[in-house]
Amino acid sequence: MTFVRPVADPALVSGGDVYDARLIEGLRADGVAVRDAQVAGTWPRPDDAARRELDAVLADGDGPVLLDGLVACGVPEIVVPRAARRPLAVLVHLPLGEEAPDLDAGDGAVLRAAGAVLATSPWAARRLHARHGLDGVAVAVPGVDPAPLATGTDGAHRLLCLGAVTPTKGQDLLVEALATLPEHPWTLDLVGPTRRAPTFVADLRASITRHGLGDRIRHPGPLSGVDLDRTWDATDLLVAPSRVETYGMVVTEALARGIPVMASDAGGLPETLDGAGILVSAEDVPALVAGLHRWFADHAHRNGRQISARSRRCTLSTWTQTSQRVQQVLTDLRAPS
């Protein structure tokens, strides 16, 4: 089996990159021979060289292919003809039309031509049905690794927002909300890659300076290994104020550590939380302010959310379950007649 995915840049790692890598690891652990075909390019809008590379990969052999949707769905003129010649499945992290409406038609053409479509959340599967009339979309949600319970600080005031610093993740909304709550002794770790949206990052830093929050908001860029583990262990509340979110892997990573979560109700986040956190309206700064104020001021409320988070950690999916679900779909994939 060939898995075609974008080249993963360690400095720009996304949830989709992590999912793809863990999926390959899981499939191989189950005895599946996986060719990891990483293709360079500015996906989903590649240049001619990237298009040629993708076409060459798809022309090499006649066995089953699993394509990351970021690579597949922007180039129907390449993928659709190949789908008529070999078994092909597409893995959709986020329907392209959610962020790039001009690519929606091509996205639909690729997905309708594929022998199977997988989505990484129930919400994404529903959006694919709504946008393209697709039925029978398989769902393989991300797994999460077991983790020790976080120690935290005082149980309330050490906040973490983890993810690529981009408009989609909504860090600007969180800064605006926290700027109205100076009476609470909060601090915020704003962790994640900063190269995806440099103008947004510059504006965010200017906002932090303008509000005089430089001593309360740390933005160290991406963290990994021991540094990230230490940050998780010191966290009292994860805040995920996303404008768009398919699933929210950071949410389950927090819950695996028993850390309560405050998240927007965007996309698949409500299903990911599954009642174990605090939901606020997406792109609604006053709602975020109200949610944070209650979190800081109401001890009983915090205690209830902490109990819910610790209960939810026992029900989280594993990466083994993710890879097994994908393997089922690939086993059923048949060559075009």
C-alpha atoms as a PDB file:
ATOM      1  CA  MET A   1       0.000   0.000   0.000  1.00  0.00           C
ATOM      2  CA  THR A   2       1.212   3.505  -0.871  1.00  0.00           C
ATOM      3  CA  PHE A   3       0.382   6.428   1.401  1.00  0.00           C
ATOM      4  CA  VAL A   4       0.773   9.798  -0.334  1.00  0.00           C
ATOM      5  CA  ARG A   5       1.086  12.773   1.979  1.00  0.00           C
ATOM      6  CA  PRO A   6       2.690  16.233   2.070  1.00  0.00           C
ATOM      7  CA  VAL A   7       6.305  16.515   3.113  1.00  0.00           C
ATOM      8  CA  ALA A   8       6.234  17.135   6.859  1.00  0.00           C
ATOM      9  CA  ASP A   9       8.243  20.198   7.921  1.00  0.00           C
ATOM     10  CA  PRO A  10       9.270  19.749  11.604  1.00  0.00           C
ATOM     11  CA  ALA A  11       9.026  23.511  12.106  1.00  0.00           C
ATOM     12  CA  LEU A  12       5.460  23.633  10.760  1.00  0.00           C
ATOM     13  CA  VAL A  13       4.074  20.353  12.065  1.00  0.00           C
ATOM     14  CA  SER A  14       0.274  20.199  12.069  1.00  0.00           C
ATOM     15  CA  GLY A  15      -2.284  17.854  13.565  1.00  0.00           C
ATOM     16  CA  GLY A  16      -2.702  16.326  10.117  1.00  0.00           C
ATOM     17  CA  ASP A  17       1.032  15.625   9.920  1.00  0.00           C
ATOM     18  CA  VAL A  18       0.938  13.920  13.305  1.00  0.00           C
ATOM     19  CA  TYR A  19      -2.112  11.861  12.319  1.00  0.00           C
ATOM     20  CA  ASP A  20      -0.486  10.706   9.073  1.00  0.00           C
ATOM     21  CA  ALA A  21       2.764   9.707  10.788  1.00  0.00           C
ATOM     22  CA  ARG A  22       1.003   7.819  13.572  1.00  0.00           C
ATOM     23  CA  LEU A  23      -1.240   6.079  11.055  1.00  0.00           C
ATOM     24  CA  ILE A  24       1.767   4.802   9.099  1.00  0.00           C
ATOM     25  CA  GLU A  25       3.367   3.642  12.337  1.00  0.00           C
ATOM     26  CA  GLY A  26       0.194   1.804  13.360  1.00  0.00           C
ATOM     27  CA  LEU A  27      -0.361   0.141   9.987  1.00  0.00           C
ATOM     28  CA  ARG A  28       3.212  -1.097   9.888  1.00  0.00           C
ATOM     29  CA  ALA A  29       2.907  -2.418  13.439  1.00  0.00           C
ATOM     30  CA  ASP A  30      -0.089  -4.441  12.220  1.00  0.00           C
ATOM     31  CA  GLY A  31       1.989  -5.952   9.434  1.00  0.00           C
ATOM     32  CA  VAL A  32       0.856  -3.728   6.555  1.00  0.00           C
ATOM     33  CA  ALA A  33       3.630  -2.910   4.084  1.00  0.00           C
ATOM     34  CA  VAL A  34       3.375   0.869   3.662  1.00  0.00           C
ATOM     35  CA  ARG A  35       5.310   2.932   1.163  1.00  0.00           C
ATOM     36  CA  ASP A  36       5.527   6.433   2.647  1.00  0.00           C
ATOM     37  CA  ALA A  37       5.422   8.700  -0.417  1.00  0.00           C
ATOM     38  CA  GLN A  38       5.924  12.258   0.807  1.00  0.00           C
ATOM     39  CA  VAL A  39       5.501  14.788  -1.985  1.00  0.00           C
ATOM     40  CA  ALA A  40       6.865  18.299  -1.764  1.00  0.00           C
ATOM     41  CA  GLY A  41       4.691  21.217  -2.788  1.00  0.00           C
ATOM     42  CA  THR A  42       2.516  24.086  -1.667  1.00  0.00           C
ATOM     43  CA  TRP A  43      -0.531  21.865  -1.264  1.00  0.00           C
ATOM     44  CA  PRO A  44      -3.389  22.199  -2.069  1.00  0.00           C
ATOM     45  CA  ARG A  45      -2.085  24.678  -4.664  1.00  0.00           C
ATOM     46  CA  PRO A  46       1.033  22.955  -6.029  1.00  0.00           C
ATOM     47  CA  ASP A  47       3.360  24.154  -8.759  1.00  0.00           C
ATOM     48  CA  ASP A  48       4.030  22.173 -11.936  1.00  0.00           C
ATOM     49  CA  ALA A  49       6.955  20.259 -10.451  1.00  0.00           C
ATOM     50  CA  ALA A  50       4.821  19.047  -7.537  1.00  0.00           C
ATOM     51  CA  ARG A  51       2.052  18.020  -9.917  1.00  0.00           C
ATOM     52  CA  ARG A  52       4.484  15.963 -11.960  1.00  0.00           C
ATOM     53  CA  GLU A  53       5.853  14.307  -8.828  1.00  0.00           C
ATOM     54  CA  LEU A  54       2.374  13.350  -7.641  1.00  0.00           C
ATOM     55  CA  ASP A  55       1.423  11.972 -11.049  1.00  0.00           C
ATOM     56  CA  ALA A  56       4.606   9.893 -11.131  1.00  0.00           C
ATOM     57  CA  VAL A  57       3.861   8.420  -7.700  1.00  0.00           C
ATOM     58  CA  LEU A  58       0.315   7.496  -8.736  1.00  0.00           C
ATOM     59  CA  ALA A  59       1.580   5.961 -11.993  1.00  0.00           C
ATOM     60  CA  ASP A  60       4.067   3.738 -10.153  1.00  0.00           C
ATOM     61  CA  GLY A  61       2.347   0.400  -9.607  1.00  0.00           C
ATOM     62  CA  ASP A  62      -1.214  -0.797  -9.449  1.00  0.00           C
ATOM     63  CA  GLY A  63      -1.728  -1.497  -5.738  1.00  0.00           C
ATOM     64  CA  PRO A  64      -3.962   0.447  -3.361  1.00  0.00           C
ATOM     65  CA  VAL A  65      -3.205   4.094  -2.611  1.00  0.00           C
ATOM     66  CA  LEU A  66      -4.253   6.222   0.328  1.00  0.00           C
ATOM     67  CA  LEU A  67      -3.929   9.944  -0.332  1.00  0.00           C
ATOM     68  CA  ASP A  68      -3.989  12.732   2.205  1.00  0.00           C
ATOM     69  CA  GLY A  69      -6.787  15.029   1.057  1.00  0.00           C
ATOM     70  CA  LEU A  70      -4.543  18.091   1.205  1.00  0.00           C
ATOM     71  CA  VAL A  71      -2.523  16.567  -1.643  1.00  0.00           C
ATOM     72  CA  ALA A  72      -5.345  14.912  -3.559  1.00  0.00           C
ATOM     73  CA  CYS A  73      -8.284  17.270  -3.523  1.00  0.00           C
ATOM     74  CA  GLY A  74      -6.821  20.344  -5.190  1.00  0.00           C
ATOM     75  CA  VAL A  75      -5.677  18.528  -8.329  1.00  0.00           C
ATOM     76  CA  PRO A  76      -8.638  16.560  -9.764  1.00  0.00           C
ATOM     77  CA  GLU A  77      -7.079  16.610 -13.243  1.00  0.00           C
ATOM     78  CA  ILE A  78      -4.314  14.335 -11.887  1.00  0.00           C
ATOM     79  CA  VAL A  79      -6.125  12.206  -9.322  1.00  0.00           C
ATOM     80  CA  VAL A  80      -9.427  11.428 -11.058  1.00  0.00           C
ATOM     81  CA  PRO A  81      -7.844   9.653 -14.091  1.00  0.00           C
ATOM     82  CA  ARG A  82      -5.604   7.630 -11.767  1.00  0.00           C
ATOM     83  CA  ALA A  83      -8.608   6.633  -9.634  1.00  0.00           C
ATOM     84  CA  ALA A  84     -10.047   4.922 -12.706  1.00  0.00           C
ATOM     85  CA  ARG A  85      -6.978   2.687 -12.969  1.00  0.00           C
ATOM     86  CA  ARG A  86      -6.097   1.623  -9.404  1.00  0.00           C
ATOM     87  CA  PRO A  87      -7.796   1.350  -5.984  1.00  0.00           C
ATOM     88  CA  LEU A  88      -7.607   4.749  -4.374  1.00  0.00           C
ATOM     89  CA  ALA A  89      -8.833   6.117  -1.032  1.00  0.00           C
ATOM     90  CA  VAL A  90      -8.705   9.708   0.230  1.00  0.00           C
ATOM     91  CA  LEU A  91      -8.146  10.716   3.854  1.00  0.00           C
ATOM     92  CA  VAL A  92      -9.832  14.054   4.632  1.00  0.00           C
ATOM     93  CA  HIS A  93      -8.651  16.039   7.631  1.00  0.00           C
ATOM     94  CA  LEU A  94     -10.638  19.158   6.665  1.00  0.00           C
ATOM     95  CA  PRO A  95     -12.804  19.562   3.535  1.00  0.00           C
ATOM     96  CA  LEU A  96     -10.952  22.012   1.297  1.00  0.00           C
ATOM     97  CA  GLY A  97     -14.046  24.117   0.762  1.00  0.00           C
ATOM     98  CA  GLU A  98     -14.132  25.075   4.442  1.00  0.00           C
ATOM     99  CA  GLU A  99     -11.063  27.282   3.974  1.00  0.00           C
ATOM    100  CA  ALA A 100     -10.740  27.496   0.166  1.00  0.00           C
ATOM    101  CA  PRO A 101     -14.204  27.730  -1.454  1.00  0.00           C
ATOM    102  CA  ASP A 102     -12.687  28.073  -4.918  1.00  0.00           C
ATOM    103  CA  LEU A 103     -11.334  24.508  -4.616  1.00  0.00           C
ATOM    104  CA  ASP A 104     -14.679  23.024  -3.575  1.00  0.00           C
ATOM    105  CA  ALA A 105     -15.672  21.710  -7.009  1.00  0.00           C
ATOM    106  CA  GLY A 106     -12.365  19.944  -7.554  1.00  0.00           C
ATOM    107  CA  ASP A 107     -12.532  18.570  -4.036  1.00  0.00           C
ATOM    108  CA  GLY A 108     -15.903  16.994  -4.800  1.00  0.00           C
ATOM    109  CA  ALA A 109     -14.718  15.551  -8.111  1.00  0.00           C
ATOM    110  CA  VAL A 110     -11.789  13.787  -6.432  1.00  0.00           C
ATOM    111  CA  LEU A 111     -13.861  12.422  -3.568  1.00  0.00           C
ATOM    112  CA  ARG A 112     -16.605  11.097  -5.842  1.00  0.00           C
ATOM    113  CA  ALA A 113     -13.992   9.342  -7.988  1.00  0.00           C
ATOM    114  CA  ALA A 114     -12.260   7.700  -5.019  1.00  0.00           C
ATOM    115  CA  GLY A 115     -12.989   4.103  -4.130  1.00  0.00           C
ATOM    116  CA  ALA A 116     -13.278   5.098  -0.453  1.00  0.00           C
ATOM    117  CA  VAL A 117     -13.268   8.285   1.593  1.00  0.00           C
ATOM    118  CA  LEU A 118     -12.155   8.510   5.202  1.00  0.00           C
ATOM    119  CA  ALA A 119     -12.704  11.484   7.495  1.00  0.00           C
ATOM    120  CA  THR A 120     -10.964  12.177  10.791  1.00  0.00           C
ATOM    121  CA  SER A 121     -14.121  13.200  12.634  1.00  0.00           C
ATOM    122  CA  PRO A 122     -17.890  12.693  12.431  1.00  0.00           C
ATOM    123  CA  TRP A 123     -18.244  16.431  11.804  1.00  0.00           C
ATOM    124  CA  ALA A 124     -15.973  16.227   8.744  1.00  0.00           C
ATOM    125  CA  ALA A 125     -17.983  13.276   7.416  1.00  0.00           C
ATOM    126  CA  ARG A 126     -21.195  15.293   7.782  1.00  0.00           C
ATOM    127  CA  ARG A 127     -19.641  18.276   6.021  1.00  0.00           C
ATOM    128  CA  LEU A 128     -18.575  16.045   3.126  1.00  0.00           C
ATOM    129  CA  HIS A 129     -22.145  14.828   2.818  1.00  0.00           C
ATOM    130  CA  ALA A 130     -23.513  18.371   2.945  1.00  0.00           C
ATOM    131  CA  ARG A 131     -21.007  19.740   0.427  1.00  0.00           C
ATOM    132  CA  HIS A 132     -20.735  16.850  -2.010  1.00  0.00           C
ATOM    133  CA  GLY A 133     -23.604  14.479  -1.267  1.00  0.00           C
ATOM    134  CA  LEU A 134     -21.181  11.766  -0.166  1.00  0.00           C
ATOM    135  CA  ASP A 135     -22.650   8.841   1.734  1.00  0.00           C
ATOM    136  CA  GLY A 136     -20.725   6.063   3.411  1.00  0.00           C
ATOM    137  CA  VAL A 137     -17.765   8.190   4.485  1.00  0.00           C
ATOM    138  CA  ALA A 138     -15.757   6.164   7.001  1.00  0.00           C
ATOM    139  CA  VAL A 139     -14.582   7.858  10.188  1.00  0.00           C
ATOM    140  CA  ALA A 140     -11.261   7.180  11.901  1.00  0.00           C
ATOM    141  CA  VAL A 141     -10.805   9.673  14.725  1.00  0.00           C
ATOM    142  CA  PRO A 142      -7.299  10.488  15.967  1.00  0.00           C
ATOM    143  CA  GLY A 143      -5.956   8.485  18.845  1.00  0.00           C
ATOM    144  CA  VAL A 144      -4.141   9.762  21.892  1.00  0.00           C
ATOM    145  CA  ASP A 145      -1.305   8.339  23.943  1.00  0.00           C
ATOM    146  CA  PRO A 146      -1.778   7.596  27.647  1.00  0.00           C
ATOM    147  CA  ALA A 147      -0.242  10.310  29.777  1.00  0.00           C
ATOM    148  CA  PRO A 148       0.280  11.018  33.481  1.00  0.00           C
ATOM    149  CA  LEU A 149      -2.091  13.361  35.288  1.00  0.00           C
ATOM    150  CA  ALA A 150      -0.890  16.948  35.098  1.00  0.00           C
ATOM    151  CA  THR A 151       0.196  18.600  38.335  1.00  0.00           C
ATOM    152  CA  GLY A 152      -0.989  22.099  37.386  1.00  0.00           C
ATOM    153  CA  THR A 153      -0.365  25.144  39.573  1.00  0.00           C
ATOM    154  CA  ASP A 154      -3.193  26.553  41.676  1.00  0.00           C
ATOM    155  CA  GLY A 155      -5.786  24.696  39.602  1.00  0.00           C
ATOM    156  CA  ALA A 156      -6.998  27.802  37.824  1.00  0.00           C
ATOM    157  CA  HIS A 157      -4.643  30.391  36.430  1.00  0.00           C
ATOM    158  CA  ARG A 158      -1.986  28.724  34.244  1.00  0.00           C
ATOM    159  CA  LEU A 159      -3.504  28.621  30.745  1.00  0.00           C
ATOM    160  CA  LEU A 160      -2.247  26.899  27.606  1.00  0.00           C
ATOM    161  CA  CYS A 161      -3.227  27.522  23.981  1.00  0.00           C
ATOM    162  CA  LEU A 162      -1.446  24.959  21.793  1.00  0.00           C
ATOM    163  CA  GLY A 163      -1.448  24.931  18.003  1.00  0.00           C
ATOM    164  CA  ALA A 164      -0.119  26.658  14.917  1.00  0.00           C
ATOM    165  CA  VAL A 165      -0.437  30.416  15.379  1.00  0.00           C
ATOM    166  CA  THR A 166      -2.911  31.170  12.610  1.00  0.00           C
ATOM    167  CA  PRO A 167      -6.290  32.910  12.232  1.00  0.00           C
ATOM    168  CA  THR A 168      -7.976  29.484  12.154  1.00  0.00           C
ATOM    169  CA  LYS A 169      -6.844  28.709  15.705  1.00  0.00           C
ATOM    170  CA  GLY A 170      -8.161  32.020  17.067  1.00  0.00           C
ATOM    171  CA  GLN A 171      -5.325  33.067  19.364  1.00  0.00           C
ATOM    172  CA  ASP A 172      -6.204  36.711  18.678  1.00  0.00           C
ATOM    173  CA  LEU A 173      -9.652  36.141  20.194  1.00  0.00           C
ATOM    174  CA  LEU A 174      -8.102  34.725  23.350  1.00  0.00           C
ATOM    175  CA  VAL A 175      -5.724  37.676  23.755  1.00  0.00           C
ATOM    176  CA  GLU A 176      -8.602  40.129  23.368  1.00  0.00           C
ATOM    177  CA  ALA A 177     -10.625  38.227  25.969  1.00  0.00           C
ATOM    178  CA  LEU A 178      -7.804  38.000  28.508  1.00  0.00           C
ATOM    179  CA  ALA A 179      -7.055  41.706  28.110  1.00  0.00           C
ATOM    180  CA  THR A 180     -10.420  42.409  29.780  1.00  0.00           C
ATOM    181  CA  LEU A 181      -9.590  40.225  32.809  1.00  0.00           C
ATOM    182  CA  PRO A 182      -6.549  41.901  34.400  1.00  0.00           C
ATOM    183  CA  GLU A 183      -7.935  41.395  37.912  1.00  0.00           C
ATOM    184  CA  HIS A 184      -7.272  37.645  37.731  1.00  0.00           C
ATOM    185  CA  PRO A 185      -3.641  36.458  38.109  1.00  0.00           C
ATOM    186  CA  TRP A 186      -3.626  34.365  34.938  1.00  0.00           C
ATOM    187  CA  THR A 187      -0.652  33.538  32.714  1.00  0.00           C
ATOM    188  CA  LEU A 188      -0.823  32.077  29.214  1.00  0.00           C
ATOM    189  CA  ASP A 189       1.560  29.823  27.296  1.00  0.00           C
ATOM    190  CA  LEU A 190       0.898  30.472  23.607  1.00  0.00           C
ATOM    191  CA  VAL A 191       2.697  27.493  22.064  1.00  0.00           C
ATOM    192  CA  GLY A 192       2.949  26.563  18.401  1.00  0.00           C
ATOM    193  CA  PRO A 193       4.636  27.166  15.047  1.00  0.00           C
ATOM    194  CA  THR A 194       4.658  30.797  13.947  1.00  0.00           C
ATOM    195  CA  ARG A 195       5.755  30.536  10.301  1.00  0.00           C
ATOM    196  CA  ARG A 196       2.419  29.640   8.688  1.00  0.00           C
ATOM    197  CA  ALA A 197       0.838  33.104   8.996  1.00  0.00           C
ATOM    198  CA  PRO A 198       3.552  35.715   9.621  1.00  0.00           C
ATOM    199  CA  THR A 199       1.259  38.736   9.259  1.00  0.00           C
ATOM    200  CA  PHE A 200      -1.195  37.270  11.767  1.00  0.00           C
ATOM    201  CA  VAL A 201       1.668  36.510  14.176  1.00  0.00           C
ATOM    202  CA  ALA A 202       2.991  40.066  13.885  1.00  0.00           C
ATOM    203  CA  ASP A 203      -0.471  41.498  14.559  1.00  0.00           C
ATOM    204  CA  LEU A 204      -0.912  39.153  17.523  1.00  0.00           C
ATOM    205  CA  ARG A 205       2.373  40.222  19.077  1.00  0.00           C
ATOM    206  CA  ALA A 206       1.440  43.867  18.528  1.00  0.00           C
ATOM    207  CA  SER A 207      -1.874  43.235  20.311  1.00  0.00           C
ATOM    208  CA  ILE A 208      -0.098  41.647  23.267  1.00  0.00           C
ATOM    209  CA  THR A 209       2.185  44.686  23.514  1.00  0.00           C
ATOM    210  CA  ARG A 210      -0.680  47.153  23.076  1.00  0.00           C
ATOM    211  CA  HIS A 211      -2.595  45.566  25.951  1.00  0.00           C
ATOM    212  CA  GLY A 212       0.498  45.480  28.165  1.00  0.00           C
ATOM    213  CA  LEU A 213       0.406  41.688  28.478  1.00  0.00           C
ATOM    214  CA  GLY A 214       4.008  40.921  27.594  1.00  0.00           C
ATOM    215  CA  ASP A 215       4.794  39.744  31.115  1.00  0.00           C
ATOM    216  CA  ARG A 216       1.755  37.455  31.262  1.00  0.00           C
ATOM    217  CA  ILE A 217       1.770  35.808  27.818  1.00  0.00           C
ATOM    218  CA  ARG A 218       4.699  33.636  26.809  1.00  0.00           C
ATOM    219  CA  HIS A 219       4.968  32.665  23.136  1.00  0.00           C
ATOM    220  CA  PRO A 220       8.011  30.382  22.783  1.00  0.00           C
ATOM    221  CA  GLY A 221       7.109  28.960  19.378  1.00  0.00           C
ATOM    222  CA  PRO A 222       6.769  25.184  18.921  1.00  0.00           C
ATOM    223  CA  LEU A 223       7.768  22.906  21.800  1.00  0.00           C
ATOM    224  CA  SER A 224       8.392  19.181  21.849  1.00  0.00           C
ATOM    225  CA  GLY A 225       9.788  16.444  24.043  1.00  0.00           C
ATOM    226  CA  VAL A 226      10.641  17.335  27.621  1.00  0.00           C
ATOM    227  CA  ASP A 227       9.851  21.036  27.126  1.00  0.00           C
ATOM    228  CA  LEU A 228       6.320  20.284  25.949  1.00  0.00           C
ATOM    229  CA  ASP A 229       5.797  17.697  28.697  1.00  0.00           C
ATOM    230  CA  ARG A 230       6.773  20.287  31.312  1.00  0.00           C
ATOM    231  CA  THR A 231       4.357  22.805  29.826  1.00  0.00           C
ATOM    232  CA  TRP A 232       1.519  20.270  29.869  1.00  0.00           C
ATOM    233  CA  ASP A 233       2.297  19.329  33.470  1.00  0.00           C
ATOM    234  CA  ALA A 234       2.061  22.955  34.619  1.00  0.00           C
ATOM    235  CA  THR A 235      -1.241  23.637  32.828  1.00  0.00           C
ATOM    236  CA  ASP A 236      -4.504  24.245  34.692  1.00  0.00           C
ATOM    237  CA  LEU A 237      -6.727  24.872  31.643  1.00  0.00           C
ATOM    238  CA  LEU A 238      -6.330  24.331  27.905  1.00  0.00           C
ATOM    239  CA  VAL A 239      -8.074  26.991  25.819  1.00  0.00           C
ATOM    240  CA  ALA A 240      -8.927  26.169  22.181  1.00  0.00           C
ATOM    241  CA  PRO A 241     -10.683  29.232  20.672  1.00  0.00           C
ATOM    242  CA  SER A 242     -10.636  27.929  17.078  1.00  0.00           C
ATOM    243  CA  ARG A 243     -12.661  29.462  14.280  1.00  0.00           C
ATOM    244  CA  VAL A 244     -12.609  26.144  12.368  1.00  0.00           C
ATOM    245  CA  GLU A 245     -11.666  22.750  13.774  1.00  0.00           C
ATOM    246  CA  THR A 246     -12.248  19.262  12.401  1.00  0.00           C
ATOM    247  CA  TYR A 247     -11.501  17.377  15.607  1.00  0.00           C
ATOM    248  CA  GLY A 248      -9.023  19.093  17.948  1.00  0.00           C
ATOM    249  CA  MET A 249      -6.251  16.652  18.828  1.00  0.00           C
ATOM    250  CA  VAL A 250      -4.904  19.002  21.508  1.00  0.00           C
ATOM    251  CA  VAL A 251      -8.226  18.605  23.314  1.00  0.00           C
ATOM    252  CA  THR A 252      -7.809  14.851  23.772  1.00  0.00           C
ATOM    253  CA  GLU A 253      -4.133  15.349  24.631  1.00  0.00           C
ATOM    254  CA  ALA A 254      -5.249  17.629  27.470  1.00  0.00           C
ATOM    255  CA  LEU A 255      -7.986  15.253  28.605  1.00  0.00           C
ATOM    256  CA  ALA A 256      -5.484  12.373  28.626  1.00  0.00           C
ATOM    257  CA  ARG A 257      -3.668  14.365  31.317  1.00  0.00           C
ATOM    258  CA  GLY A 258      -6.846  15.213  33.205  1.00  0.00           C
ATOM    259  CA  ILE A 259      -6.595  18.878  32.184  1.00  0.00           C
ATOM    260  CA  PRO A 260      -9.929  20.687  31.761  1.00  0.00           C
ATOM    261  CA  VAL A 261     -10.613  22.297  28.390  1.00  0.00           C
ATOM    262  CA  MET A 262     -12.410  25.440  27.287  1.00  0.00           C
ATOM    263  CA  ALA A 263     -13.136  25.309  23.569  1.00  0.00           C
ATOM    264  CA  SER A 264     -15.200  27.058  20.965  1.00  0.00           C
ATOM    265  CA  ASP A 265     -18.166  25.201  19.504  1.00  0.00           C
ATOM    266  CA  ALA A 266     -16.554  25.266  16.043  1.00  0.00           C
ATOM    267  CA  GLY A 267     -16.662  22.157  13.877  1.00  0.00           C
ATOM    268  CA  GLY A 268     -15.996  18.892  15.645  1.00  0.00           C
ATOM    269  CA  LEU A 269     -14.893  20.302  19.007  1.00  0.00           C
ATOM    270  CA  PRO A 270     -18.186  19.644  20.841  1.00  0.00           C
ATOM    271  CA  GLU A 271     -18.037  15.949  19.895  1.00  0.00           C
ATOM    272  CA  THR A 272     -14.386  15.720  20.865  1.00  0.00           C
ATOM    273  CA  LEU A 273     -15.082  17.205  24.281  1.00  0.00           C
ATOM    274  CA  ASP A 274     -18.131  14.962  24.689  1.00  0.00           C
ATOM    275  CA  GLY A 275     -19.430  16.921  27.673  1.00  0.00           C
ATOM    276  CA  ALA A 276     -16.078  16.935  29.481  1.00  0.00           C
ATOM    277  CA  GLY A 277     -15.248  20.611  29.023  1.00  0.00           C
ATOM    278  CA  ILE A 278     -16.536  24.142  28.644  1.00  0.00           C
ATOM    279  CA  LEU A 279     -17.959  25.237  25.279  1.00  0.00           C
ATOM    280  CA  VAL A 280     -18.245  28.864  24.188  1.00  0.00           C
ATOM    281  CA  SER A 281     -19.546  30.314  20.943  1.00  0.00           C
ATOM    282  CA  ALA A 282     -16.964  30.481  18.176  1.00  0.00           C
ATOM    283  CA  GLU A 283     -15.600  33.926  17.241  1.00  0.00           C
ATOM    284  CA  ASP A 284     -17.406  35.432  20.241  1.00  0.00           C
ATOM    285  CA  VAL A 285     -15.005  37.362  22.480  1.00  0.00           C
ATOM    286  CA  PRO A 286     -17.669  38.311  25.091  1.00  0.00           C
ATOM    287  CA  ALA A 287     -18.606  34.628  25.422  1.00  0.00           C
ATOM    288  CA  LEU A 288     -14.953  33.755  25.900  1.00  0.00           C
ATOM    289  CA  VAL A 289     -14.606  36.498  28.518  1.00  0.00           C
ATOM    290  CA  ALA A 290     -17.644  35.193  30.406  1.00  0.00           C
ATOM    291  CA  GLY A 291     -16.379  31.621  30.276  1.00  0.00           C
ATOM    292  CA  LEU A 292     -12.930  32.573  31.536  1.00  0.00           C
ATOM    293  CA  HIS A 293     -14.308  34.812  34.291  1.00  0.00           C
ATOM    294  CA  ARG A 294     -16.491  32.003  35.588  1.00  0.00           C
ATOM    295  CA  TRP A 295     -13.567  29.584  35.407  1.00  0.00           C
ATOM    296  CA  PHE A 296     -11.376  31.908  37.484  1.00  0.00           C
ATOM    297  CA  ALA A 297     -14.073  32.947  39.975  1.00  0.00           C
ATOM    298  CA  ASP A 298     -16.143  29.805  40.576  1.00  0.00           C
ATOM    299  CA  HIS A 299     -14.276  27.093  42.475  1.00  0.00           C
ATOM    300  CA  ALA A 300     -17.160  24.607  42.321  1.00  0.00           C
ATOM    301  CA  HIS A 301     -17.377  25.064  38.549  1.00  0.00           C
ATOM    302  CA  ARG A 302     -13.648  24.389  38.164  1.00  0.00           C
ATOM    303  CA  ASN A 303     -13.850  21.356  40.393  1.00  0.00           C
ATOM    304  CA  GLY A 304     -16.676  19.898  38.311  1.00  0.00           C
ATOM    305  CA  ARG A 305     -14.768  20.394  35.063  1.00  0.00           C
ATOM    306  CA  GLN A 306     -11.653  18.814  36.581  1.00  0.00           C
ATOM    307  CA  ILE A 307     -13.653  15.742  37.607  1.00  0.00           C
ATOM    308  CA  SER A 308     -15.168  15.513  34.112  1.00  0.00           C
ATOM    309  CA  ALA A 309     -11.758  15.752  32.450  1.00  0.00           C
ATOM    310  CA  ARG A 310     -10.360  12.952  34.600  1.00  0.00           C
ATOM    311  CA  SER A 311     -13.370  10.781  33.828  1.00  0.00           C
ATOM    312  CA  ARG A 312     -13.115  11.411  30.076  1.00  0.00           C
ATOM    313  CA  ARG A 313      -9.461  10.328  29.953  1.00  0.00           C
ATOM    314  CA  CYS A 314     -10.588   6.730  30.504  1.00  0.00           C
ATOM    315  CA  THR A 315     -12.733   6.695  27.341  1.00  0.00           C
ATOM    316  CA  LEU A 316     -10.356   8.195  24.771  1.00  0.00           C
ATOM    317  CA  SER A 317      -9.546   6.383  21.533  1.00  0.00           C
ATOM    318  CA  THR A 318      -6.066   4.950  20.991  1.00  0.00           C
ATOM    319  CA  TRP A 319      -3.881   5.212  17.904  1.00  0.00           C
ATOM    320  CA  THR A 320      -4.144   1.437  17.554  1.00  0.00           C
ATOM    321  CA  GLN A 321      -7.895   1.804  17.131  1.00  0.00           C
ATOM    322  CA  THR A 322      -7.318   4.526  14.531  1.00  0.00           C
ATOM    323  CA  SER A 323      -4.986   2.418  12.399  1.00  0.00           C
ATOM    324  CA  GLN A 324      -7.230  -0.637  12.678  1.00  0.00           C
ATOM    325  CA  ARG A 325     -10.214   1.360  11.447  1.00  0.00           C
ATOM    326  CA  VAL A 326      -8.250   2.635   8.447  1.00  0.00           C
ATOM    327  CA  GLN A 327      -6.972  -0.865   7.752  1.00  0.00           C
ATOM    328  CA  GLN A 328     -10.558  -2.141   7.582  1.00  0.00           C
ATOM    329  CA  VAL A 329     -11.373   0.426   4.920  1.00  0.00           C
ATOM    330  CA  LEU A 330      -8.248  -0.351   2.918  1.00  0.00           C
ATOM    331  CA  THR A 331      -8.950  -4.092   3.090  1.00  0.00           C
ATOM    332  CA  ASP A 332     -12.355  -3.480   1.488  1.00  0.00           C
ATOM    333  CA  LEU A 333     -10.886  -1.228  -1.215  1.00  0.00           C
ATOM    334  CA  ARG A 334     -11.180  -2.825  -4.614  1.00  0.00           C
ATOM    335  CA  ALA A 335      -9.609  -2.038  -7.947  1.00  0.00           C
ATOM    336  CA  PRO A 336     -11.810  -0.177 -10.454  1.00  0.00           C
ATOM    337  CA  SER A 337     -13.793  -2.509 -12.700  1.00  0.00           C
END
